[in-house]
Amino acid sequence: PEEGRPANFSGAVGRFQLESKIENSSPKTNQPVNITLRFQGHGNGKIIEMPKLKFPQGLEVYDTKTESKFFKDGRSYKQFDILVIPRQAG
């Protein structure tokens, strides 16, 4: 229901774990880096929306791809692959 639901509620109900991974922890300026966020667990993870992320100044978000799957046993995952480019050192 719409009434009384938290403003940040996306509709995903279940028990999920979040894993994050950065492809290169020491990237070079102007070289792309992939950041992966993966939600997995029991419930309908396919409807999880990309969290609002606040990236530091000088980090350009270039592209985001998503992948999701729901399994017959009630498990699911949704993965966000975010391509960023650091435009300045630091």
PDB file of N, CA and C in Angstrom:
ATOM      1  N   PRO A   1       0.826  -1.211   0.000  1.00  0.00           N
ATOM      2  CA  PRO A   1       0.000   0.000   0.000  1.00  0.00           C
ATOM      3  C   PRO A   1       0.860   1.260   0.000  1.00  0.00           C
ATOM      4  N   GLU A   2       0.350   2.279  -0.581  1.00  0.00           N
ATOM      5  CA  GLU A   2       1.068   3.550  -0.664  1.00  0.00           C
ATOM      6  C   GLU A   2       1.085   4.282   0.675  1.00  0.00           C
ATOM      7  N   GLU A   3       0.022   4.156   1.446  1.00  0.00           N
ATOM      8  CA  GLU A   3      -0.062   4.870   2.725  1.00  0.00           C
ATOM      9  C   GLU A   3       0.908   4.299   3.751  1.00  0.00           C
ATOM     10  N   GLY A   4       1.663   5.182   4.393  1.00  0.00           N
ATOM     11  CA  GLY A   4       2.531   4.785   5.481  1.00  0.00           C
ATOM     12  C   GLY A   4       3.838   4.114   5.091  1.00  0.00           C
ATOM     13  N   ARG A   5       4.086   3.977   3.812  1.00  0.00           N
ATOM     14  CA  ARG A   5       5.338   3.336   3.424  1.00  0.00           C
ATOM     15  C   ARG A   5       6.481   4.351   3.458  1.00  0.00           C
ATOM     16  N   PRO A   6       7.675   3.926   3.827  1.00  0.00           N
ATOM     17  CA  PRO A   6       8.823   4.839   3.856  1.00  0.00           C
ATOM     18  C   PRO A   6       9.125   5.409   2.471  1.00  0.00           C
ATOM     19  N   ALA A   7       9.622   6.610   2.409  1.00  0.00           N
ATOM     20  CA  ALA A   7       9.900   7.281   1.140  1.00  0.00           C
ATOM     21  C   ALA A   7      10.924   6.522   0.300  1.00  0.00           C
ATOM     22  N   ASN A   8      11.851   5.808   0.940  1.00  0.00           N
ATOM     23  CA  ASN A   8      12.893   5.110   0.194  1.00  0.00           C
ATOM     24  C   ASN A   8      12.557   3.634  -0.073  1.00  0.00           C
ATOM     25  N   PHE A   9      11.322   3.210   0.166  1.00  0.00           N
ATOM     26  CA  PHE A   9      10.915   1.825  -0.045  1.00  0.00           C
ATOM     27  C   PHE A   9      10.689   1.572  -1.529  1.00  0.00           C
ATOM     28  N   SER A  10      11.382   0.587  -2.089  1.00  0.00           N
ATOM     29  CA  SER A  10      11.312   0.318  -3.523  1.00  0.00           C
ATOM     30  C   SER A  10      10.308  -0.781  -3.875  1.00  0.00           C
ATOM     31  N   GLY A  11       9.776  -1.476  -2.873  1.00  0.00           N
ATOM     32  CA  GLY A  11       8.842  -2.552  -3.139  1.00  0.00           C
ATOM     33  C   GLY A  11       9.453  -3.925  -2.960  1.00  0.00           C
ATOM     34  N   ALA A  12      10.751  -4.002  -2.783  1.00  0.00           N
ATOM     35  CA  ALA A  12      11.424  -5.285  -2.606  1.00  0.00           C
ATOM     36  C   ALA A  12      11.200  -5.783  -1.180  1.00  0.00           C
ATOM     37  N   VAL A  13      10.640  -6.977  -1.074  1.00  0.00           N
ATOM     38  CA  VAL A  13      10.391  -7.591   0.221  1.00  0.00           C
ATOM     39  C   VAL A  13      11.171  -8.895   0.275  1.00  0.00           C
ATOM     40  N   GLY A  14      11.911  -9.084   1.346  1.00  0.00           N
ATOM     41  CA  GLY A  14      12.682 -10.304   1.491  1.00  0.00           C
ATOM     42  C   GLY A  14      13.886 -10.066   2.380  1.00  0.00           C
ATOM     43  N   ARG A  15      14.818 -10.965   2.289  1.00  0.00           N
ATOM     44  CA  ARG A  15      16.061 -10.861   3.064  1.00  0.00           C
ATOM     45  C   ARG A  15      17.215 -10.915   2.062  1.00  0.00           C
ATOM     46  N   PHE A  16      17.905  -9.783   1.931  1.00  0.00           N
ATOM     47  CA  PHE A  16      18.951  -9.653   0.930  1.00  0.00           C
ATOM     48  C   PHE A  16      20.272  -9.252   1.566  1.00  0.00           C
ATOM     49  N   GLN A  17      21.339  -9.675   0.924  1.00  0.00           N
ATOM     50  CA  GLN A  17      22.679  -9.234   1.299  1.00  0.00           C
ATOM     51  C   GLN A  17      23.200  -8.376   0.156  1.00  0.00           C
ATOM     52  N   LEU A  18      24.014  -7.408   0.501  1.00  0.00           N
ATOM     53  CA  LEU A  18      24.620  -6.534  -0.498  1.00  0.00           C
ATOM     54  C   LEU A  18      26.111  -6.800  -0.538  1.00  0.00           C
ATOM     55  N   GLU A  19      26.616  -7.063  -1.724  1.00  0.00           N
ATOM     56  CA  GLU A  19      28.049  -7.214  -1.951  1.00  0.00           C
ATOM     57  C   GLU A  19      28.479  -6.097  -2.891  1.00  0.00           C
ATOM     58  N   SER A  20      29.645  -5.532  -2.634  1.00  0.00           N
ATOM     59  CA  SER A  20      30.171  -4.511  -3.537  1.00  0.00           C
ATOM     60  C   SER A  20      31.601  -4.865  -3.899  1.00  0.00           C
ATOM     61  N   LYS A  21      31.985  -4.458  -5.096  1.00  0.00           N
ATOM     62  CA  LYS A  21      33.323  -4.769  -5.574  1.00  0.00           C
ATOM     63  C   LYS A  21      33.782  -3.637  -6.494  1.00  0.00           C
ATOM     64  N   ILE A  22      35.034  -3.232  -6.338  1.00  0.00           N
ATOM     65  CA  ILE A  22      35.642  -2.241  -7.219  1.00  0.00           C
ATOM     66  C   ILE A  22      36.718  -2.963  -8.016  1.00  0.00           C
ATOM     67  N   GLU A  23      36.646  -2.834  -9.317  1.00  0.00           N
ATOM     68  CA  GLU A  23      37.555  -3.545 -10.212  1.00  0.00           C
ATOM     69  C   GLU A  23      39.019  -3.211  -9.958  1.00  0.00           C
ATOM     70  N   ASN A  24      39.314  -1.959  -9.690  1.00  0.00           N
ATOM     71  CA  ASN A  24      40.692  -1.517  -9.509  1.00  0.00           C
ATOM     72  C   ASN A  24      40.705  -0.496  -8.376  1.00  0.00           C
ATOM     73  N   SER A  25      41.346  -0.813  -7.279  1.00  0.00           N
ATOM     74  CA  SER A  25      41.333   0.092  -6.122  1.00  0.00           C
ATOM     75  C   SER A  25      42.319   1.257  -6.262  1.00  0.00           C
ATOM     76  N   SER A  26      43.159   1.234  -7.292  1.00  0.00           N
ATOM     77  CA  SER A  26      44.102   2.337  -7.542  1.00  0.00           C
ATOM     78  C   SER A  26      44.015   2.768  -9.001  1.00  0.00           C
ATOM     79  N   PRO A  27      42.870   3.314  -9.405  1.00  0.00           N
ATOM     80  CA  PRO A  27      42.693   3.669 -10.814  1.00  0.00           C
ATOM     81  C   PRO A  27      43.528   4.884 -11.213  1.00  0.00           C
ATOM     82  N   LYS A  28      43.792   4.977 -12.492  1.00  0.00           N
ATOM     83  CA  LYS A  28      44.500   6.124 -13.043  1.00  0.00           C
ATOM     84  C   LYS A  28      43.484   7.135 -13.572  1.00  0.00           C
ATOM     85  N   THR A  29      43.872   8.391 -13.579  1.00  0.00           N
ATOM     86  CA  THR A  29      43.009   9.455 -14.095  1.00  0.00           C
ATOM     87  C   THR A  29      42.626   9.145 -15.540  1.00  0.00           C
ATOM     88  N   ASN A  30      41.348   9.344 -15.834  1.00  0.00           N
ATOM     89  CA  ASN A  30      40.755   9.158 -17.164  1.00  0.00           C
ATOM     90  C   ASN A  30      40.728   7.694 -17.634  1.00  0.00           C
ATOM     91  N   GLN A  31      40.954   6.744 -16.734  1.00  0.00           N
ATOM     92  CA  GLN A  31      40.846   5.324 -17.061  1.00  0.00           C
ATOM     93  C   GLN A  31      39.585   4.762 -16.401  1.00  0.00           C
ATOM     94  N   PRO A  32      38.711   4.087 -17.159  1.00  0.00           N
ATOM     95  CA  PRO A  32      37.454   3.594 -16.596  1.00  0.00           C
ATOM     96  C   PRO A  32      37.653   2.528 -15.522  1.00  0.00           C
ATOM     97  N   VAL A  33      36.733   2.540 -14.567  1.00  0.00           N
ATOM     98  CA  VAL A  33      36.727   1.590 -13.457  1.00  0.00           C
ATOM     99  C   VAL A  33      35.301   1.073 -13.303  1.00  0.00           C
ATOM    100  N   ASN A  34      35.156  -0.223 -13.080  1.00  0.00           N
ATOM    101  CA  ASN A  34      33.836  -0.803 -12.886  1.00  0.00           C
ATOM    102  C   ASN A  34      33.571  -1.026 -11.400  1.00  0.00           C
ATOM    103  N   ILE A  35      32.410  -0.569 -10.945  1.00  0.00           N
ATOM    104  CA  ILE A  35      31.948  -0.796  -9.577  1.00  0.00           C
ATOM    105  C   ILE A  35      30.728  -1.711  -9.674  1.00  0.00           C
ATOM    106  N   THR A  36      30.731  -2.800  -8.902  1.00  0.00           N
ATOM    107  CA  THR A  36      29.625  -3.752  -8.926  1.00  0.00           C
ATOM    108  C   THR A  36      28.904  -3.742  -7.583  1.00  0.00           C
ATOM    109  N   LEU A  37      27.579  -3.615  -7.627  1.00  0.00           N
ATOM    110  CA  LEU A  37      26.712  -3.766  -6.461  1.00  0.00           C
ATOM    111  C   LEU A  37      25.794  -4.943  -6.754  1.00  0.00           C
ATOM    112  N   ARG A  38      25.784  -5.930  -5.859  1.00  0.00           N
ATOM    113  CA  ARG A  38      24.954  -7.125  -6.081  1.00  0.00           C
ATOM    114  C   ARG A  38      24.110  -7.403  -4.844  1.00  0.00           C
ATOM    115  N   PHE A  39      22.798  -7.384  -5.026  1.00  0.00           N
ATOM    116  CA  PHE A  39      21.836  -7.744  -3.991  1.00  0.00           C
ATOM    117  C   PHE A  39      21.430  -9.187  -4.262  1.00  0.00           C
ATOM    118  N   GLN A  40      21.515 -10.054  -3.251  1.00  0.00           N
ATOM    119  CA  GLN A  40      21.080 -11.432  -3.444  1.00  0.00           C
ATOM    120  C   GLN A  40      20.491 -11.980  -2.156  1.00  0.00           C
ATOM    121  N   GLY A  41      19.562 -12.894  -2.310  1.00  0.00           N
ATOM    122  CA  GLY A  41      18.931 -13.495  -1.147  1.00  0.00           C
ATOM    123  C   GLY A  41      17.578 -14.064  -1.489  1.00  0.00           C
ATOM    124  N   HIS A  42      16.689 -14.113  -0.494  1.00  0.00           N
ATOM    125  CA  HIS A  42      15.339 -14.635  -0.676  1.00  0.00           C
ATOM    126  C   HIS A  42      14.368 -13.475  -0.824  1.00  0.00           C
ATOM    127  N   GLY A  43      13.543 -13.543  -1.854  1.00  0.00           N
ATOM    128  CA  GLY A  43      12.584 -12.490  -2.159  1.00  0.00           C
ATOM    129  C   GLY A  43      12.717 -12.106  -3.620  1.00  0.00           C
ATOM    130  N   ASN A  44      11.928 -11.129  -4.040  1.00  0.00           N
ATOM    131  CA  ASN A  44      11.945 -10.695  -5.431  1.00  0.00           C
ATOM    132  C   ASN A  44      12.950  -9.569  -5.625  1.00  0.00           C
ATOM    133  N   GLY A  45      14.211  -9.926  -5.777  1.00  0.00           N
ATOM    134  CA  GLY A  45      15.273  -8.946  -5.967  1.00  0.00           C
ATOM    135  C   GLY A  45      15.207  -8.226  -7.300  1.00  0.00           C
ATOM    136  N   LYS A  46      14.450  -8.784  -8.243  1.00  0.00           N
ATOM    137  CA  LYS A  46      14.371  -8.164  -9.567  1.00  0.00           C
ATOM    138  C   LYS A  46      13.792  -6.748  -9.515  1.00  0.00           C
ATOM    139  N   ILE A  47      13.014  -6.442  -8.478  1.00  0.00           N
ATOM    140  CA  ILE A  47      12.402  -5.111  -8.424  1.00  0.00           C
ATOM    141  C   ILE A  47      13.215  -4.115  -7.604  1.00  0.00           C
ATOM    142  N   ILE A  48      14.375  -4.527  -7.110  1.00  0.00           N
ATOM    143  CA  ILE A  48      15.238  -3.593  -6.383  1.00  0.00           C
ATOM    144  C   ILE A  48      15.716  -2.515  -7.343  1.00  0.00           C
ATOM    145  N   GLU A  49      15.630  -1.285  -6.915  1.00  0.00           N
ATOM    146  CA  GLU A  49      16.067  -0.160  -7.733  1.00  0.00           C
ATOM    147  C   GLU A  49      17.499   0.220  -7.363  1.00  0.00           C
ATOM    148  N   MET A  50      18.169   0.843  -8.297  1.00  0.00           N
ATOM    149  CA  MET A  50      19.534   1.318  -8.061  1.00  0.00           C
ATOM    150  C   MET A  50      19.514   2.308  -6.905  1.00  0.00           C
ATOM    151  N   PRO A  51      20.327   2.073  -5.876  1.00  0.00           N
ATOM    152  CA  PRO A  51      20.371   3.028  -4.762  1.00  0.00           C
ATOM    153  C   PRO A  51      20.910   4.380  -5.247  1.00  0.00           C
ATOM    154  N   LYS A  52      20.465   5.437  -4.612  1.00  0.00           N
ATOM    155  CA  LYS A  52      20.987   6.758  -4.940  1.00  0.00           C
ATOM    156  C   LYS A  52      22.370   6.881  -4.315  1.00  0.00           C
ATOM    157  N   LEU A  53      23.352   7.007  -5.166  1.00  0.00           N
ATOM    158  CA  LEU A  53      24.732   7.093  -4.710  1.00  0.00           C
ATOM    159  C   LEU A  53      25.248   8.501  -4.947  1.00  0.00           C
ATOM    160  N   LYS A  54      26.016   8.991  -4.008  1.00  0.00           N
ATOM    161  CA  LYS A  54      26.625  10.312  -4.151  1.00  0.00           C
ATOM    162  C   LYS A  54      28.119  10.103  -4.361  1.00  0.00           C
ATOM    163  N   PHE A  55      28.545  10.300  -5.603  1.00  0.00           N
ATOM    164  CA  PHE A  55      29.949  10.115  -5.940  1.00  0.00           C
ATOM    165  C   PHE A  55      30.721  11.402  -5.680  1.00  0.00           C
ATOM    166  N   PRO A  56      32.006  11.295  -5.346  1.00  0.00           N
ATOM    167  CA  PRO A  56      32.816  12.489  -5.108  1.00  0.00           C
ATOM    168  C   PRO A  56      32.975  13.315  -6.388  1.00  0.00           C
ATOM    169  N   GLN A  57      33.210  14.591  -6.199  1.00  0.00           N
ATOM    170  CA  GLN A  57      33.456  15.472  -7.331  1.00  0.00           C
ATOM    171  C   GLN A  57      34.682  14.966  -8.080  1.00  0.00           C
ATOM    172  N   GLY A  58      34.628  15.001  -9.388  1.00  0.00           N
ATOM    173  CA  GLY A  58      35.742  14.529 -10.195  1.00  0.00           C
ATOM    174  C   GLY A  58      35.603  13.080 -10.625  1.00  0.00           C
ATOM    175  N   LEU A  59      34.522  12.413 -10.219  1.00  0.00           N
ATOM    176  CA  LEU A  59      34.257  11.037 -10.619  1.00  0.00           C
ATOM    177  C   LEU A  59      33.011  11.045 -11.498  1.00  0.00           C
ATOM    178  N   GLU A  60      33.177  10.770 -12.762  1.00  0.00           N
ATOM    179  CA  GLU A  60      32.085  10.827 -13.728  1.00  0.00           C
ATOM    180  C   GLU A  60      31.451   9.448 -13.892  1.00  0.00           C
ATOM    181  N   VAL A  61      30.138   9.382 -13.714  1.00  0.00           N
ATOM    182  CA  VAL A  61      29.409   8.130 -13.930  1.00  0.00           C
ATOM    183  C   VAL A  61      29.117   8.050 -15.420  1.00  0.00           C
ATOM    184  N   TYR A  62      29.640   7.010 -16.047  1.00  0.00           N
ATOM    185  CA  TYR A  62      29.553   6.910 -17.489  1.00  0.00           C
ATOM    186  C   TYR A  62      28.394   6.026 -17.948  1.00  0.00           C
ATOM    187  N   ASP A  63      28.239   4.851 -17.334  1.00  0.00           N
ATOM    188  CA  ASP A  63      27.221   3.908 -17.780  1.00  0.00           C
ATOM    189  C   ASP A  63      26.856   2.969 -16.628  1.00  0.00           C
ATOM    190  N   THR A  64      25.605   2.509 -16.598  1.00  0.00           N
ATOM    191  CA  THR A  64      25.156   1.531 -15.607  1.00  0.00           C
ATOM    192  C   THR A  64      24.384   0.429 -16.318  1.00  0.00           C
ATOM    193  N   LYS A  65      24.755  -0.814 -16.037  1.00  0.00           N
ATOM    194  CA  LYS A  65      24.054  -1.970 -16.601  1.00  0.00           C
ATOM    195  C   LYS A  65      23.481  -2.778 -15.443  1.00  0.00           C
ATOM    196  N   THR A  66      22.358  -3.423 -15.688  1.00  0.00           N
ATOM    197  CA  THR A  66      21.742  -4.251 -14.652  1.00  0.00           C
ATOM    198  C   THR A  66      21.526  -5.665 -15.178  1.00  0.00           C
ATOM    199  N   GLU A  67      21.537  -6.594 -14.229  1.00  0.00           N
ATOM    200  CA  GLU A  67      21.257  -7.993 -14.522  1.00  0.00           C
ATOM    201  C   GLU A  67      20.498  -8.537 -13.320  1.00  0.00           C
ATOM    202  N   SER A  68      19.461  -9.343 -13.567  1.00  0.00           N
ATOM    203  CA  SER A  68      18.719  -9.923 -12.457  1.00  0.00           C
ATOM    204  C   SER A  68      18.172 -11.285 -12.846  1.00  0.00           C
ATOM    205  N   LYS A  69      17.895 -12.077 -11.805  1.00  0.00           N
ATOM    206  CA  LYS A  69      17.331 -13.403 -12.044  1.00  0.00           C
ATOM    207  C   LYS A  69      16.570 -13.846 -10.812  1.00  0.00           C
ATOM    208  N   PHE A  70      15.442 -14.502 -11.031  1.00  0.00           N
ATOM    209  CA  PHE A  70      14.622 -15.072  -9.969  1.00  0.00           C
ATOM    210  C   PHE A  70      14.641 -16.586 -10.141  1.00  0.00           C
ATOM    211  N   PHE A  71      14.936 -17.319  -9.060  1.00  0.00           N
ATOM    212  CA  PHE A  71      15.013 -18.778  -9.101  1.00  0.00           C
ATOM    213  C   PHE A  71      13.742 -19.395  -8.510  1.00  0.00           C
ATOM    214  N   LYS A  72      13.437 -20.616  -8.896  1.00  0.00           N
ATOM    215  CA  LYS A  72      12.221 -21.308  -8.454  1.00  0.00           C
ATOM    216  C   LYS A  72      12.146 -21.506  -6.951  1.00  0.00           C
ATOM    217  N   ASP A  73      13.299 -21.558  -6.267  1.00  0.00           N
ATOM    218  CA  ASP A  73      13.292 -21.782  -4.816  1.00  0.00           C
ATOM    219  C   ASP A  73      13.085 -20.487  -4.017  1.00  0.00           C
ATOM    220  N   GLY A  74      12.811 -19.375  -4.694  1.00  0.00           N
ATOM    221  CA  GLY A  74      12.538 -18.111  -3.998  1.00  0.00           C
ATOM    222  C   GLY A  74      13.746 -17.200  -3.867  1.00  0.00           C
ATOM    223  N   ARG A  75      14.924 -17.674  -4.266  1.00  0.00           N
ATOM    224  CA  ARG A  75      16.114 -16.824  -4.232  1.00  0.00           C
ATOM    225  C   ARG A  75      16.142 -15.960  -5.484  1.00  0.00           C
ATOM    226  N   SER A  76      16.834 -14.849  -5.394  1.00  0.00           N
ATOM    227  CA  SER A  76      16.997 -13.983  -6.551  1.00  0.00           C
ATOM    228  C   SER A  76      18.210 -13.085  -6.341  1.00  0.00           C
ATOM    229  N   TYR A  77      18.577 -12.413  -7.410  1.00  0.00           N
ATOM    230  CA  TYR A  77      19.628 -11.406  -7.302  1.00  0.00           C
ATOM    231  C   TYR A  77      19.367 -10.294  -8.303  1.00  0.00           C
ATOM    232  N   LYS A  78      19.948  -9.166  -8.006  1.00  0.00           N
ATOM    233  CA  LYS A  78      19.984  -8.060  -8.953  1.00  0.00           C
ATOM    234  C   LYS A  78      21.353  -7.420  -8.815  1.00  0.00           C
ATOM    235  N   GLN A  79      21.988  -7.219  -9.953  1.00  0.00           N
ATOM    236  CA  GLN A  79      23.346  -6.688  -9.960  1.00  0.00           C
ATOM    237  C   GLN A  79      23.397  -5.426 -10.797  1.00  0.00           C
ATOM    238  N   PHE A  80      24.095  -4.429 -10.271  1.00  0.00           N
ATOM    239  CA  PHE A  80      24.325  -3.169 -10.969  1.00  0.00           C
ATOM    240  C   PHE A  80      25.819  -3.049 -11.239  1.00  0.00           C
ATOM    241  N   ASP A  81      26.182  -2.883 -12.491  1.00  0.00           N
ATOM    242  CA  ASP A  81      27.571  -2.641 -12.872  1.00  0.00           C
ATOM    243  C   ASP A  81      27.666  -1.193 -13.316  1.00  0.00           C
ATOM    244  N   ILE A  82      28.435  -0.410 -12.580  1.00  0.00           N
ATOM    245  CA  ILE A  82      28.525   1.034 -12.797  1.00  0.00           C
ATOM    246  C   ILE A  82      29.918   1.363 -13.309  1.00  0.00           C
ATOM    247  N   LEU A  83      29.989   1.914 -14.496  1.00  0.00           N
ATOM    248  CA  LEU A  83      31.270   2.315 -15.073  1.00  0.00           C
ATOM    249  C   LEU A  83      31.509   3.784 -14.730  1.00  0.00           C
ATOM    250  N   VAL A  84      32.610   4.050 -14.041  1.00  0.00           N
ATOM    251  CA  VAL A  84      32.955   5.417 -13.660  1.00  0.00           C
ATOM    252  C   VAL A  84      34.334   5.756 -14.219  1.00  0.00           C
ATOM    253  N   ILE A  85      34.563   7.059 -14.388  1.00  0.00           N
ATOM    254  CA  ILE A  85      35.853   7.531 -14.875  1.00  0.00           C
ATOM    255  C   ILE A  85      36.339   8.636 -13.952  1.00  0.00           C
ATOM    256  N   PRO A  86      37.464   8.418 -13.269  1.00  0.00           N
ATOM    257  CA  PRO A  86      38.014   9.482 -12.440  1.00  0.00           C
ATOM    258  C   PRO A  86      38.647  10.553 -13.346  1.00  0.00           C
ATOM    259  N   ARG A  87      38.176  11.781 -13.213  1.00  0.00           N
ATOM    260  CA  ARG A  87      38.646  12.860 -14.067  1.00  0.00           C
ATOM    261  C   ARG A  87      39.747  13.688 -13.403  1.00  0.00           C
ATOM    262  N   GLN A  88      40.022  13.427 -12.160  1.00  0.00           N
ATOM    263  CA  GLN A  88      41.120  14.119 -11.470  1.00  0.00           C
ATOM    264  C   GLN A  88      41.761  13.172 -10.475  1.00  0.00           C
ATOM    265  N   ALA A  89      43.003  13.400 -10.160  1.00  0.00           N
ATOM    266  CA  ALA A  89      43.722  12.571  -9.200  1.00  0.00           C
ATOM    267  C   ALA A  89      43.222  12.848  -7.791  1.00  0.00           C
ATOM    268  N   GLY A  90      43.331  11.831  -6.942  1.00  0.00           N
ATOM    269  CA  GLY A  90      42.982  12.059  -5.544  1.00  0.00           C
ATOM    270  C   GLY A  90      42.129  11.031  -4.934  1.00  0.00           C
TER     271      GLY A  90
END
